[in-house]
Amino acid sequence: MRNLFATGMLAALLAVNSSCTPDDSIHHAAEQSVQRFEEAGMQNMENDALFLAEVTSANMLQLQLSELAANQAVSPEVRELAQQMKHEHRQILDEINTVGAEGNFILPSKLGKDHQETYDEISSRSGLPFDLAYIEEAVESHKDLLKRYEDMADNGVSMNIKQFASKQVPLARQHLETAQALEENVSDY
């Protein structure tokens, strides 16, 4: 009965906290992590597992879009930002993999459904519309990441998750501010 309740709570949490669908890589990774933790006797890991799965996918999206923008962007400023984002999101993904391995989390190996749709939509553009879409996504994604990192820095269960999230707050804020400034400049073209 207890496992049934925990499984129900996880399903409710995933439905509320994410637009994941049952076939989504984020949902699967979080669910597998929670199952692993429950089997080991650890409780209340749902939010930590969902957080790590979500930020894995979000950072993979930023890396993939930045790789694309580094080659495809029209604006030199956008290409420069893309190079910086590509380098820094690759480092963040390395840190996520380390935190995940140390904490025994399952991480998604591919983009979540919504992140994949975002990638597909932006990658279908070219020229200035591509640059604008890339920058707009960078702004929105970093707003979301910043909120999530701040929340988990305060509310994470695992100390490794809390420390990782705390460390990411200043970088997410910097990325957001840089993307917002560039968004203003690029939209003037």
Protein backbone atom coordinates (compact mmCIF):
# COMPACT_ATOMS: atom_id res chain seq x y z
CA MET A 1 0.00 0.00 0.00
CA ARG A 2 2.86 2.36 0.86
CA ASN A 3 4.51 1.83 -2.54
CA LEU A 4 1.18 2.37 -4.27
CA PHE A 5 0.78 5.67 -2.40
CA ALA A 6 4.36 6.73 -3.26
CA THR A 7 3.84 5.82 -6.91
CA GLY A 8 0.61 7.81 -6.95
CA MET A 9 2.37 10.77 -5.36
CA LEU A 10 5.13 10.60 -7.98
CA ALA A 11 2.60 10.52 -10.80
CA ALA A 12 0.79 13.53 -9.33
CA LEU A 13 4.06 15.39 -8.82
CA LEU A 14 5.17 14.73 -12.36
CA ALA A 15 1.82 15.85 -13.73
CA VAL A 16 1.89 19.09 -11.75
CA ASN A 17 5.57 20.00 -12.02
CA SER A 18 6.17 19.13 -15.63
CA SER A 19 4.40 18.86 -18.89
CA CYS A 20 5.94 15.43 -19.33
CA THR A 21 3.94 12.73 -20.93
CA PRO A 22 4.23 9.05 -20.00
CA ASP A 23 6.50 8.44 -23.01
CA ASP A 24 8.79 11.34 -22.09
CA SER A 25 12.45 10.70 -21.27
CA ILE A 26 12.28 13.10 -18.30
CA HIS A 27 9.32 11.23 -16.81
CA HIS A 28 10.98 7.85 -17.29
CA ALA A 29 14.29 8.92 -15.75
CA ALA A 30 12.63 10.51 -12.72
CA GLU A 31 10.36 7.53 -12.20
CA GLN A 32 13.27 5.08 -12.42
CA SER A 33 15.31 7.15 -9.96
CA VAL A 34 12.48 7.27 -7.43
CA GLN A 35 11.94 3.54 -7.79
CA ARG A 36 15.64 2.95 -7.17
CA PHE A 37 15.59 5.20 -4.09
CA GLU A 38 12.48 3.55 -2.66
CA GLU A 39 14.04 0.12 -3.10
CA ALA A 40 17.01 1.42 -1.11
CA GLY A 41 14.68 2.74 1.60
CA MET A 42 15.07 6.42 0.72
CA GLN A 43 11.90 8.51 0.71
CA ASN A 44 10.91 11.97 -0.55
CA MET A 45 13.30 11.96 -3.49
CA GLU A 46 10.64 12.72 -6.12
CA ASN A 47 11.45 16.42 -6.49
CA ASP A 48 15.21 15.82 -6.58
CA ALA A 49 14.82 13.13 -9.24
CA LEU A 50 12.49 15.25 -11.35
CA PHE A 51 14.76 18.28 -11.00
CA LEU A 52 17.86 16.43 -12.15
CA ALA A 53 16.02 14.86 -15.09
CA GLU A 54 14.54 18.22 -16.12
CA VAL A 55 17.81 20.14 -15.93
CA THR A 56 19.58 17.38 -17.82
CA SER A 57 17.16 17.74 -20.71
CA ALA A 58 17.13 21.56 -20.50
CA ASN A 59 20.93 21.70 -20.60
CA MET A 60 21.07 19.20 -23.47
CA LEU A 61 18.65 21.47 -25.34
CA GLN A 62 20.80 24.53 -24.69
CA LEU A 63 23.92 22.65 -25.80
CA GLN A 64 22.29 21.37 -29.01
CA LEU A 65 20.78 24.74 -29.89
CA SER A 66 24.07 26.49 -29.16
CA GLU A 67 25.97 24.08 -31.39
CA LEU A 68 23.48 24.84 -34.13
CA ALA A 69 23.59 28.61 -33.56
CA ALA A 70 27.39 28.68 -33.50
CA ASN A 71 27.30 27.57 -37.15
CA GLN A 72 23.98 28.87 -38.41
CA ALA A 73 23.38 32.26 -36.73
CA VAL A 74 23.51 35.35 -38.93
CA SER A 75 24.53 37.77 -36.21
CA PRO A 76 28.16 37.60 -35.02
CA GLU A 77 26.93 38.46 -31.51
CA VAL A 78 24.57 35.50 -31.54
CA ARG A 79 27.33 33.20 -32.79
CA GLU A 80 29.60 34.48 -30.00
CA LEU A 81 26.92 33.86 -27.36
CA ALA A 82 26.30 30.41 -28.82
CA GLN A 83 29.99 29.53 -28.50
CA GLN A 84 29.98 30.62 -24.85
CA MET A 85 26.73 28.74 -24.12
CA LYS A 86 27.99 25.64 -25.90
CA HIS A 87 31.11 25.54 -23.76
CA GLU A 88 29.36 26.31 -20.47
CA HIS A 89 26.37 24.00 -20.96
CA ARG A 90 28.74 21.15 -21.86
CA GLN A 91 30.48 21.76 -18.51
CA ILE A 92 27.13 21.87 -16.70
CA LEU A 93 26.14 18.56 -18.28
CA ASP A 94 29.43 17.06 -17.09
CA GLU A 95 28.60 18.26 -13.57
CA ILE A 96 25.06 16.88 -13.82
CA ASN A 97 26.45 13.50 -14.87
CA THR A 98 28.81 13.54 -11.88
CA VAL A 99 26.05 14.53 -9.43
CA GLY A 100 23.75 11.94 -10.99
CA ALA A 101 26.31 9.16 -10.73
CA GLU A 102 27.30 10.06 -7.17
CA GLY A 103 23.66 10.23 -6.11
CA ASN A 104 22.60 7.10 -8.00
CA PHE A 105 20.12 9.01 -10.18
CA ILE A 106 18.92 7.87 -13.59
CA LEU A 107 19.33 10.66 -16.16
CA PRO A 108 17.59 10.99 -19.51
CA SER A 109 19.82 10.24 -22.49
CA LYS A 110 17.70 12.24 -24.91
CA LEU A 111 15.69 15.43 -24.85
CA GLY A 112 12.32 15.46 -23.16
CA LYS A 113 9.31 15.72 -25.47
CA ASP A 114 8.81 19.49 -25.04
CA HIS A 115 12.53 20.18 -25.39
CA GLN A 116 12.66 18.09 -28.57
CA GLU A 117 9.71 20.03 -30.01
CA THR A 118 11.47 23.30 -29.17
CA TYR A 119 14.65 22.12 -30.86
CA ASP A 120 12.74 20.99 -33.95
CA GLU A 121 10.86 24.28 -34.20
CA ILE A 122 13.96 26.50 -33.82
CA SER A 123 16.16 24.37 -36.07
CA SER A 124 13.61 24.63 -38.87
CA ARG A 125 14.29 28.38 -39.13
CA SER A 126 17.10 30.22 -40.84
CA GLY A 127 18.48 33.73 -41.04
CA LEU A 128 17.32 36.40 -38.64
CA PRO A 129 14.20 34.41 -37.60
CA PHE A 130 16.55 31.65 -36.42
CA ASP A 131 18.68 34.13 -34.44
CA LEU A 132 15.61 35.63 -32.78
CA ALA A 133 14.11 32.24 -31.94
CA TYR A 134 17.41 31.03 -30.49
CA ILE A 135 17.78 34.11 -28.29
CA GLU A 136 14.12 34.04 -27.17
CA GLU A 137 14.50 30.39 -26.18
CA ALA A 138 17.74 31.13 -24.33
CA VAL A 139 15.96 33.85 -22.33
CA GLU A 140 12.93 31.70 -21.48
CA SER A 141 14.95 28.59 -20.72
CA HIS A 142 17.32 30.45 -18.41
CA LYS A 143 14.41 32.10 -16.59
CA ASP A 144 13.04 28.61 -15.94
CA LEU A 145 16.43 27.18 -15.01
CA LEU A 146 17.15 30.04 -12.62
CA LYS A 147 13.83 29.54 -10.80
CA ARG A 148 14.37 25.79 -10.61
CA TYR A 149 17.97 26.12 -9.36
CA GLU A 150 16.93 28.63 -6.70
CA ASP A 151 14.10 26.38 -5.56
CA MET A 152 16.27 23.29 -5.32
CA ALA A 153 19.10 25.16 -3.58
CA ASP A 154 16.57 25.78 -0.79
CA ASN A 155 14.35 22.71 -1.00
CA GLY A 156 16.41 19.82 -2.32
CA VAL A 157 16.56 16.70 -0.17
CA SER A 158 19.99 15.53 -1.29
CA MET A 159 22.89 17.72 -0.18
CA ASN A 160 24.61 17.08 -3.55
CA ILE A 161 21.51 18.37 -5.37
CA LYS A 162 21.32 21.44 -3.13
CA GLN A 163 25.00 22.22 -3.66
CA PHE A 164 24.79 21.68 -7.41
CA ALA A 165 21.72 23.92 -7.68
CA SER A 166 23.32 26.64 -5.53
CA LYS A 167 26.42 26.60 -7.71
CA GLN A 168 24.33 27.02 -10.88
CA VAL A 169 22.30 30.05 -9.71
CA PRO A 170 24.92 32.73 -10.55
CA LEU A 171 25.71 31.19 -13.95
CA ALA A 172 22.04 30.85 -14.88
CA ARG A 173 21.49 34.48 -13.85
CA GLN A 174 24.50 35.57 -15.95
CA HIS A 175 23.26 33.59 -18.97
CA LEU A 176 19.80 35.11 -18.58
CA GLU A 177 21.13 38.68 -18.37
CA THR A 178 23.44 38.17 -21.34
CA ALA A 179 20.68 36.65 -23.46
CA GLN A 180 18.24 39.42 -22.49
CA ALA A 181 20.73 42.12 -23.48
CA LEU A 182 21.42 40.38 -26.78
CA GLU A 183 17.68 39.92 -27.38
CA GLU A 184 17.26 43.70 -27.29
CA ASN A 185 20.15 44.24 -29.71
CA VAL A 186 19.15 41.54 -32.20
CA SER A 187 15.52 42.60 -32.30
CA ASP A 188 16.72 46.04 -33.49
CA TYR A 189 18.06 44.54 -36.75
